[in-house]
Amino acid sequence: MIKRFTTIFKFGIVGILNTGVDAGVFAILAFVGMPAMVAQAISYSCGTMNSYWWNNRWTFRDVKSQAQRIRIVRFVIANLFVLIWSSFIIYVAHSLWSWSLVNSKAAATLLGMLINYLISRYWVFRSSSEAANDVIIGTNERREHSYEN
């Protein structure tokens, strides 16, 4: 239980750093007149690179995981999903609901952090033992299903 809280705490610290990188780049790009969706894509990507580096080396470093290549692919897929989701939130909040760009970005960032933690913890940086359990459970389910037929 303490280990889980430590992981969540570390993820939160990394999230604060990522938010700083993302918000800083976004503010600079918006200040120079870049369209919000382009600024979002660039700033989020900068935060994502920072996120992978810190989460891989610090937050989830004690997790024995699948091959590095698989982890990177999963990380990119997860963050593309969160980028699309957060961009949608910014668009709806700012363009349709007339929220300020700052409030729209803040809402997208908070929801994105929650989604990103869940995907990172349970899919991207999943431990080898969790992955093995999935395989064993899946095999047992297939066996039980075949006995039913």
N, C-alpha and C. Protein backbone atom coordinates (compact mmCIF):
# COMPACT_ATOMS: atom_id res chain seq x y z
N MET A 1 0.82 -1.18 0.00
CA MET A 1 0.00 0.00 0.00
C MET A 1 0.87 1.26 0.00
N ILE A 2 1.93 1.26 0.81
CA ILE A 2 2.83 2.41 0.87
C ILE A 2 3.53 2.58 -0.47
N LYS A 3 3.89 1.47 -1.09
CA LYS A 3 4.54 1.53 -2.40
C LYS A 3 3.62 2.18 -3.42
N ARG A 4 2.34 1.86 -3.39
CA ARG A 4 1.38 2.47 -4.32
C ARG A 4 1.29 3.97 -4.10
N PHE A 5 1.23 4.41 -2.83
CA PHE A 5 1.18 5.84 -2.54
C PHE A 5 2.47 6.54 -2.97
N THR A 6 3.60 5.87 -2.80
CA THR A 6 4.88 6.44 -3.25
C THR A 6 4.87 6.63 -4.76
N THR A 7 4.37 5.63 -5.48
CA THR A 7 4.29 5.73 -6.94
C THR A 7 3.37 6.87 -7.35
N ILE A 8 2.22 6.99 -6.71
CA ILE A 8 1.29 8.08 -7.02
C ILE A 8 1.93 9.43 -6.71
N PHE A 9 2.65 9.52 -5.59
CA PHE A 9 3.33 10.76 -5.22
C PHE A 9 4.37 11.13 -6.28
N LYS A 10 5.19 10.16 -6.67
CA LYS A 10 6.21 10.42 -7.70
C LYS A 10 5.55 10.83 -9.01
N PHE A 11 4.48 10.14 -9.38
CA PHE A 11 3.77 10.49 -10.61
C PHE A 11 3.25 11.92 -10.52
N GLY A 12 2.78 12.31 -9.36
CA GLY A 12 2.30 13.67 -9.17
C GLY A 12 3.41 14.70 -9.31
N ILE A 13 4.58 14.42 -8.76
CA ILE A 13 5.73 15.34 -8.90
C ILE A 13 6.11 15.47 -10.37
N VAL A 14 6.20 14.34 -11.06
CA VAL A 14 6.51 14.37 -12.49
C VAL A 14 5.41 15.13 -13.24
N GLY A 15 4.17 14.92 -12.84
CA GLY A 15 3.06 15.63 -13.46
C GLY A 15 3.17 17.13 -13.30
N ILE A 16 3.62 17.59 -12.14
CA ILE A 16 3.82 19.02 -11.91
C ILE A 16 4.90 19.55 -12.85
N LEU A 17 6.00 18.80 -12.97
CA LEU A 17 7.06 19.20 -13.91
C LEU A 17 6.53 19.25 -15.34
N ASN A 18 5.79 18.21 -15.72
CA ASN A 18 5.24 18.16 -17.08
C ASN A 18 4.28 19.32 -17.33
N THR A 19 3.47 19.61 -16.33
CA THR A 19 2.52 20.71 -16.45
C THR A 19 3.26 22.03 -16.63
N GLY A 20 4.36 22.19 -15.91
CA GLY A 20 5.17 23.40 -16.07
C GLY A 20 5.75 23.52 -17.47
N VAL A 21 6.28 22.40 -17.98
CA VAL A 21 6.82 22.41 -19.34
C VAL A 21 5.70 22.69 -20.34
N ASP A 22 4.60 21.96 -20.22
CA ASP A 22 3.46 22.11 -21.13
C ASP A 22 2.90 23.54 -21.08
N ALA A 23 2.62 24.04 -19.89
CA ALA A 23 2.03 25.37 -19.75
C ALA A 23 2.99 26.46 -20.22
N GLY A 24 4.27 26.31 -19.90
CA GLY A 24 5.25 27.31 -20.32
C GLY A 24 5.37 27.40 -21.83
N VAL A 25 5.50 26.25 -22.47
CA VAL A 25 5.60 26.23 -23.94
C VAL A 25 4.30 26.73 -24.55
N PHE A 26 3.15 26.30 -24.00
CA PHE A 26 1.86 26.74 -24.52
C PHE A 26 1.72 28.26 -24.41
N ALA A 27 2.10 28.83 -23.26
CA ALA A 27 1.98 30.28 -23.05
C ALA A 27 2.86 31.04 -24.04
N ILE A 28 4.07 30.58 -24.24
CA ILE A 28 4.97 31.25 -25.19
C ILE A 28 4.39 31.18 -26.60
N LEU A 29 3.94 30.00 -27.00
CA LEU A 29 3.41 29.86 -28.36
C LEU A 29 2.12 30.66 -28.55
N ALA A 30 1.26 30.68 -27.54
CA ALA A 30 0.02 31.46 -27.64
C ALA A 30 0.35 32.96 -27.67
N PHE A 31 1.36 33.37 -26.90
CA PHE A 31 1.76 34.78 -26.85
C PHE A 31 2.25 35.27 -28.22
N VAL A 32 2.97 34.41 -28.94
CA VAL A 32 3.48 34.82 -30.26
C VAL A 32 2.43 34.64 -31.35
N GLY A 33 1.20 34.21 -30.97
CA GLY A 33 0.11 34.17 -31.93
C GLY A 33 -0.15 32.84 -32.61
N MET A 34 0.44 31.77 -32.10
CA MET A 34 0.20 30.46 -32.70
C MET A 34 -1.23 30.01 -32.37
N PRO A 35 -1.94 29.40 -33.32
CA PRO A 35 -3.29 28.89 -33.03
C PRO A 35 -3.28 27.91 -31.84
N ALA A 36 -4.34 27.95 -31.05
CA ALA A 36 -4.41 27.17 -29.81
C ALA A 36 -4.18 25.68 -30.03
N MET A 37 -4.76 25.10 -31.08
CA MET A 37 -4.62 23.66 -31.29
C MET A 37 -3.18 23.28 -31.67
N VAL A 38 -2.52 24.12 -32.43
CA VAL A 38 -1.11 23.87 -32.79
C VAL A 38 -0.23 24.02 -31.55
N ALA A 39 -0.48 25.09 -30.80
CA ALA A 39 0.27 25.31 -29.55
C ALA A 39 0.06 24.14 -28.59
N GLN A 40 -1.16 23.63 -28.51
CA GLN A 40 -1.46 22.48 -27.65
C GLN A 40 -0.67 21.25 -28.07
N ALA A 41 -0.65 20.97 -29.36
CA ALA A 41 0.07 19.78 -29.85
C ALA A 41 1.56 19.88 -29.54
N ILE A 42 2.15 21.04 -29.77
CA ILE A 42 3.59 21.21 -29.53
C ILE A 42 3.90 21.19 -28.04
N SER A 43 3.13 21.94 -27.24
CA SER A 43 3.41 22.01 -25.80
C SER A 43 3.18 20.66 -25.13
N TYR A 44 2.11 19.97 -25.53
CA TYR A 44 1.83 18.66 -24.94
C TYR A 44 2.95 17.68 -25.29
N SER A 45 3.46 17.75 -26.51
CA SER A 45 4.56 16.87 -26.92
C SER A 45 5.82 17.12 -26.10
N CYS A 46 6.09 18.38 -25.81
CA CYS A 46 7.25 18.69 -24.96
C CYS A 46 7.07 18.12 -23.55
N GLY A 47 5.88 18.29 -23.00
CA GLY A 47 5.59 17.71 -21.69
C GLY A 47 5.65 16.19 -21.70
N THR A 48 5.22 15.59 -22.81
CA THR A 48 5.24 14.13 -22.94
C THR A 48 6.66 13.58 -22.94
N MET A 49 7.55 14.24 -23.66
CA MET A 49 8.95 13.79 -23.66
C MET A 49 9.54 13.86 -22.25
N ASN A 50 9.25 14.94 -21.55
CA ASN A 50 9.70 15.08 -20.17
C ASN A 50 9.10 13.98 -19.29
N SER A 51 7.82 13.70 -19.50
CA SER A 51 7.11 12.69 -18.74
C SER A 51 7.74 11.30 -18.89
N TYR A 52 8.01 10.92 -20.12
CA TYR A 52 8.57 9.59 -20.34
C TYR A 52 9.92 9.46 -19.65
N TRP A 53 10.74 10.47 -19.82
CA TRP A 53 12.08 10.41 -19.24
C TRP A 53 12.00 10.21 -17.72
N TRP A 54 11.22 11.05 -17.04
CA TRP A 54 11.13 10.98 -15.58
C TRP A 54 10.38 9.74 -15.09
N ASN A 55 9.26 9.41 -15.72
CA ASN A 55 8.51 8.24 -15.27
C ASN A 55 9.28 6.96 -15.49
N ASN A 56 9.98 6.85 -16.59
CA ASN A 56 10.76 5.64 -16.88
C ASN A 56 11.94 5.50 -15.93
N ARG A 57 12.58 6.60 -15.58
CA ARG A 57 13.79 6.55 -14.77
C ARG A 57 13.56 6.73 -13.28
N TRP A 58 12.40 7.23 -12.89
CA TRP A 58 12.19 7.49 -11.47
C TRP A 58 10.89 6.89 -10.95
N THR A 59 9.75 7.29 -11.48
CA THR A 59 8.46 6.87 -10.93
C THR A 59 8.26 5.37 -10.98
N PHE A 60 8.49 4.78 -12.14
CA PHE A 60 8.24 3.34 -12.34
C PHE A 60 9.53 2.56 -12.54
N ARG A 61 10.66 3.06 -12.07
CA ARG A 61 11.94 2.40 -12.33
C ARG A 61 12.05 1.02 -11.69
N ASP A 62 11.34 0.79 -10.59
CA ASP A 62 11.43 -0.50 -9.91
C ASP A 62 10.47 -1.54 -10.50
N VAL A 63 9.71 -1.15 -11.49
CA VAL A 63 8.78 -2.08 -12.13
C VAL A 63 9.53 -2.86 -13.19
N LYS A 64 9.57 -4.17 -13.01
CA LYS A 64 10.15 -5.01 -14.04
C LYS A 64 9.11 -5.12 -15.14
N SER A 65 9.45 -4.62 -16.28
CA SER A 65 8.45 -4.48 -17.32
C SER A 65 8.88 -5.14 -18.61
N GLN A 66 7.99 -5.06 -19.58
CA GLN A 66 8.25 -5.63 -20.89
C GLN A 66 9.37 -4.87 -21.57
N ALA A 67 9.75 -5.31 -22.72
CA ALA A 67 10.85 -4.72 -23.46
C ALA A 67 10.65 -3.21 -23.64
N GLN A 68 11.76 -2.51 -23.68
CA GLN A 68 11.73 -1.05 -23.80
C GLN A 68 10.97 -0.59 -25.03
N ARG A 69 11.11 -1.27 -26.14
CA ARG A 69 10.44 -0.87 -27.37
C ARG A 69 8.91 -0.92 -27.20
N ILE A 70 8.42 -1.96 -26.57
CA ILE A 70 6.98 -2.07 -26.33
C ILE A 70 6.51 -0.96 -25.42
N ARG A 71 7.31 -0.68 -24.39
CA ARG A 71 6.96 0.38 -23.45
C ARG A 71 6.87 1.72 -24.17
N ILE A 72 7.81 2.02 -25.03
CA ILE A 72 7.80 3.29 -25.76
C ILE A 72 6.59 3.38 -26.68
N VAL A 73 6.30 2.30 -27.40
CA VAL A 73 5.14 2.30 -28.30
C VAL A 73 3.86 2.53 -27.50
N ARG A 74 3.72 1.84 -26.38
CA ARG A 74 2.54 2.03 -25.55
C ARG A 74 2.45 3.45 -25.02
N PHE A 75 3.61 4.01 -24.63
CA PHE A 75 3.63 5.37 -24.11
C PHE A 75 3.18 6.36 -25.19
N VAL A 76 3.67 6.19 -26.40
CA VAL A 76 3.29 7.09 -27.50
C VAL A 76 1.79 6.96 -27.79
N ILE A 77 1.28 5.73 -27.86
CA ILE A 77 -0.15 5.52 -28.11
C ILE A 77 -0.99 6.17 -27.01
N ALA A 78 -0.61 5.94 -25.77
CA ALA A 78 -1.35 6.50 -24.64
C ALA A 78 -1.37 8.03 -24.70
N ASN A 79 -0.23 8.61 -25.00
CA ASN A 79 -0.16 10.07 -25.01
C ASN A 79 -0.80 10.68 -26.24
N LEU A 80 -0.83 9.97 -27.35
CA LEU A 80 -1.61 10.45 -28.49
C LEU A 80 -3.09 10.49 -28.13
N PHE A 81 -3.54 9.47 -27.44
CA PHE A 81 -4.93 9.43 -26.99
C PHE A 81 -5.23 10.62 -26.07
N VAL A 82 -4.35 10.86 -25.08
CA VAL A 82 -4.57 11.96 -24.14
C VAL A 82 -4.46 13.31 -24.87
N LEU A 83 -3.55 13.42 -25.83
CA LEU A 83 -3.44 14.65 -26.61
C LEU A 83 -4.74 14.95 -27.36
N ILE A 84 -5.29 13.94 -28.02
CA ILE A 84 -6.54 14.13 -28.75
C ILE A 84 -7.66 14.52 -27.78
N TRP A 85 -7.74 13.82 -26.66
CA TRP A 85 -8.77 14.08 -25.66
C TRP A 85 -8.63 15.50 -25.10
N SER A 86 -7.40 15.89 -24.73
CA SER A 86 -7.20 17.22 -24.14
C SER A 86 -7.43 18.32 -25.17
N SER A 87 -7.06 18.08 -26.41
CA SER A 87 -7.33 19.06 -27.47
C SER A 87 -8.83 19.24 -27.66
N PHE A 88 -9.56 18.16 -27.60
CA PHE A 88 -11.02 18.21 -27.70
C PHE A 88 -11.61 19.03 -26.55
N ILE A 89 -11.09 18.82 -25.35
CA ILE A 89 -11.58 19.57 -24.19
C ILE A 89 -11.30 21.06 -24.37
N ILE A 90 -10.10 21.40 -24.82
CA ILE A 90 -9.78 22.81 -25.05
C ILE A 90 -10.70 23.40 -26.09
N TYR A 91 -10.92 22.67 -27.17
CA TYR A 91 -11.79 23.17 -28.24
C TYR A 91 -13.21 23.42 -27.73
N VAL A 92 -13.78 22.44 -27.06
CA VAL A 92 -15.16 22.57 -26.56
C VAL A 92 -15.25 23.69 -25.53
N ALA A 93 -14.35 23.68 -24.54
CA ALA A 93 -14.43 24.67 -23.47
C ALA A 93 -14.19 26.09 -23.99
N HIS A 94 -13.21 26.24 -24.86
CA HIS A 94 -12.86 27.59 -25.33
C HIS A 94 -13.78 28.06 -26.46
N SER A 95 -13.97 27.22 -27.46
CA SER A 95 -14.72 27.66 -28.65
C SER A 95 -16.23 27.56 -28.50
N LEU A 96 -16.72 26.53 -27.83
CA LEU A 96 -18.16 26.34 -27.73
C LEU A 96 -18.75 26.90 -26.44
N TRP A 97 -18.01 26.77 -25.34
CA TRP A 97 -18.53 27.25 -24.06
C TRP A 97 -18.00 28.64 -23.69
N SER A 98 -17.10 29.17 -24.50
CA SER A 98 -16.53 30.52 -24.29
C SER A 98 -15.74 30.67 -22.99
N TRP A 99 -15.12 29.58 -22.52
CA TRP A 99 -14.22 29.68 -21.38
C TRP A 99 -12.96 30.40 -21.85
N SER A 100 -12.22 30.97 -20.92
CA SER A 100 -10.94 31.58 -21.28
C SER A 100 -10.00 30.46 -21.73
N LEU A 101 -8.99 30.83 -22.49
CA LEU A 101 -8.02 29.83 -22.95
C LEU A 101 -7.27 29.22 -21.77
N VAL A 102 -6.98 30.04 -20.77
CA VAL A 102 -6.29 29.55 -19.57
C VAL A 102 -7.14 28.52 -18.83
N ASN A 103 -8.43 28.81 -18.62
CA ASN A 103 -9.31 27.86 -17.92
C ASN A 103 -9.52 26.59 -18.75
N SER A 104 -9.62 26.74 -20.06
CA SER A 104 -9.79 25.58 -20.94
C SER A 104 -8.56 24.68 -20.87
N LYS A 105 -7.38 25.28 -20.90
CA LYS A 105 -6.12 24.52 -20.82
C LYS A 105 -6.01 23.86 -19.45
N ALA A 106 -6.40 24.55 -18.39
CA ALA A 106 -6.33 23.98 -17.03
C ALA A 106 -7.24 22.76 -16.91
N ALA A 107 -8.46 22.86 -17.42
CA ALA A 107 -9.40 21.73 -17.37
C ALA A 107 -8.86 20.55 -18.16
N ALA A 108 -8.33 20.82 -19.34
CA ALA A 108 -7.78 19.75 -20.18
C ALA A 108 -6.58 19.09 -19.50
N THR A 109 -5.76 19.90 -18.85
CA THR A 109 -4.58 19.37 -18.17
C THR A 109 -4.97 18.47 -16.99
N LEU A 110 -5.92 18.91 -16.18
CA LEU A 110 -6.33 18.11 -15.02
C LEU A 110 -6.95 16.78 -15.44
N LEU A 111 -7.85 16.81 -16.39
CA LEU A 111 -8.46 15.56 -16.86
C LEU A 111 -7.42 14.68 -17.56
N GLY A 112 -6.54 15.30 -18.30
CA GLY A 112 -5.48 14.55 -18.98
C GLY A 112 -4.55 13.85 -18.00
N MET A 113 -4.24 14.52 -16.88
CA MET A 113 -3.37 13.92 -15.87
C MET A 113 -3.99 12.66 -15.28
N LEU A 114 -5.27 12.71 -14.99
CA LEU A 114 -5.97 11.55 -14.43
C LEU A 114 -5.95 10.38 -15.41
N ILE A 115 -6.34 10.66 -16.63
CA ILE A 115 -6.36 9.61 -17.66
C ILE A 115 -4.96 9.05 -17.88
N ASN A 116 -3.98 9.95 -17.95
CA ASN A 116 -2.61 9.53 -18.20
C ASN A 116 -2.08 8.65 -17.08
N TYR A 117 -2.38 8.98 -15.81
CA TYR A 117 -1.92 8.13 -14.72
C TYR A 117 -2.49 6.71 -14.85
N LEU A 118 -3.78 6.62 -15.09
CA LEU A 118 -4.42 5.31 -15.17
C LEU A 118 -3.83 4.48 -16.32
N ILE A 119 -3.65 5.09 -17.47
CA ILE A 119 -3.09 4.37 -18.62
C ILE A 119 -1.64 4.00 -18.35
N SER A 120 -0.88 4.94 -17.76
CA SER A 120 0.54 4.67 -17.48
C SER A 120 0.70 3.54 -16.47
N ARG A 121 -0.06 3.61 -15.40
CA ARG A 121 0.08 2.62 -14.33
C ARG A 121 -0.37 1.22 -14.76
N TYR A 122 -1.47 1.15 -15.48
CA TYR A 122 -2.05 -0.16 -15.76
C TYR A 122 -1.77 -0.69 -17.16
N TRP A 123 -1.11 0.09 -18.01
CA TRP A 123 -0.83 -0.42 -19.35
C TRP A 123 0.61 -0.14 -19.77
N VAL A 124 1.05 1.11 -19.74
CA VAL A 124 2.38 1.45 -20.25
C VAL A 124 3.48 0.87 -19.37
N PHE A 125 3.43 1.15 -18.07
CA PHE A 125 4.49 0.73 -17.15
C PHE A 125 4.04 -0.45 -16.29
N ARG A 126 3.19 -1.28 -16.82
CA ARG A 126 2.69 -2.46 -16.11
C ARG A 126 3.85 -3.41 -15.84
N SER A 127 3.86 -4.03 -14.69
CA SER A 127 4.94 -4.94 -14.34
C SER A 127 4.82 -6.25 -15.11
N SER A 128 5.94 -6.94 -15.22
CA SER A 128 5.95 -8.23 -15.91
C SER A 128 5.03 -9.24 -15.24
N SER A 129 4.95 -9.19 -13.90
CA SER A 129 4.08 -10.14 -13.19
C SER A 129 2.61 -9.87 -13.51
N GLU A 130 2.23 -8.60 -13.65
CA GLU A 130 0.86 -8.29 -14.03
C GLU A 130 0.56 -8.78 -15.44
N ALA A 131 1.51 -8.59 -16.34
CA ALA A 131 1.34 -9.05 -17.71
C ALA A 131 1.24 -10.58 -17.74
N ALA A 132 2.06 -11.25 -16.93
CA ALA A 132 2.02 -12.71 -16.88
C ALA A 132 0.67 -13.18 -16.33
N ASN A 133 0.15 -12.50 -15.32
CA ASN A 133 -1.16 -12.86 -14.77
C ASN A 133 -2.24 -12.72 -15.83
N ASP A 134 -2.15 -11.68 -16.65
CA ASP A 134 -3.12 -11.51 -17.74
C ASP A 134 -3.09 -12.70 -18.68
N VAL A 135 -1.89 -13.16 -19.01
CA VAL A 135 -1.75 -14.30 -19.91
C VAL A 135 -2.31 -15.55 -19.26
N ILE A 136 -1.98 -15.77 -17.98
CA ILE A 136 -2.46 -16.96 -17.27
C ILE A 136 -3.98 -16.92 -17.16
N ILE A 137 -4.52 -15.77 -16.77
CA ILE A 137 -5.98 -15.65 -16.65
C ILE A 137 -6.64 -15.87 -17.99
N GLY A 138 -6.09 -15.25 -19.04
CA GLY A 138 -6.64 -15.42 -20.38
C GLY A 138 -6.62 -16.87 -20.82
N THR A 139 -5.52 -17.58 -20.50
CA THR A 139 -5.42 -19.00 -20.85
C THR A 139 -6.45 -19.81 -20.08
N ASN A 140 -6.60 -19.53 -18.78
CA ASN A 140 -7.59 -20.25 -17.98
C ASN A 140 -9.01 -19.98 -18.46
N GLU A 141 -9.29 -18.73 -18.85
CA GLU A 141 -10.62 -18.41 -19.35
C GLU A 141 -10.90 -19.17 -20.64
N ARG A 142 -9.89 -19.26 -21.51
CA ARG A 142 -10.08 -20.00 -22.76
C ARG A 142 -10.32 -21.48 -22.47
N ARG A 143 -9.59 -22.03 -21.50
CA ARG A 143 -9.77 -23.44 -21.14
C ARG A 143 -11.17 -23.68 -20.59
N GLU A 144 -11.61 -22.78 -19.65
CA GLU A 144 -12.94 -22.94 -19.08
C GLU A 144 -14.01 -22.81 -20.15
N HIS A 145 -13.82 -21.91 -21.06
CA HIS A 145 -14.79 -21.71 -22.15
C HIS A 145 -14.85 -22.95 -23.04
N SER A 146 -13.69 -23.56 -23.29
CA SER A 146 -13.69 -24.75 -24.17
C SER A 146 -14.38 -25.93 -23.50
N TYR A 147 -14.33 -26.00 -22.13
CA TYR A 147 -15.01 -27.09 -21.44
C TYR A 147 -16.53 -26.92 -21.50
N GLU A 148 -16.98 -25.66 -21.60
CA GLU A 148 -18.42 -25.40 -21.64
C GLU A 148 -19.02 -25.87 -22.95
N ASN A 149 -18.26 -25.89 -24.02
CA ASN A 149 -18.80 -26.24 -25.34
C ASN A 149 -18.85 -27.72 -25.56
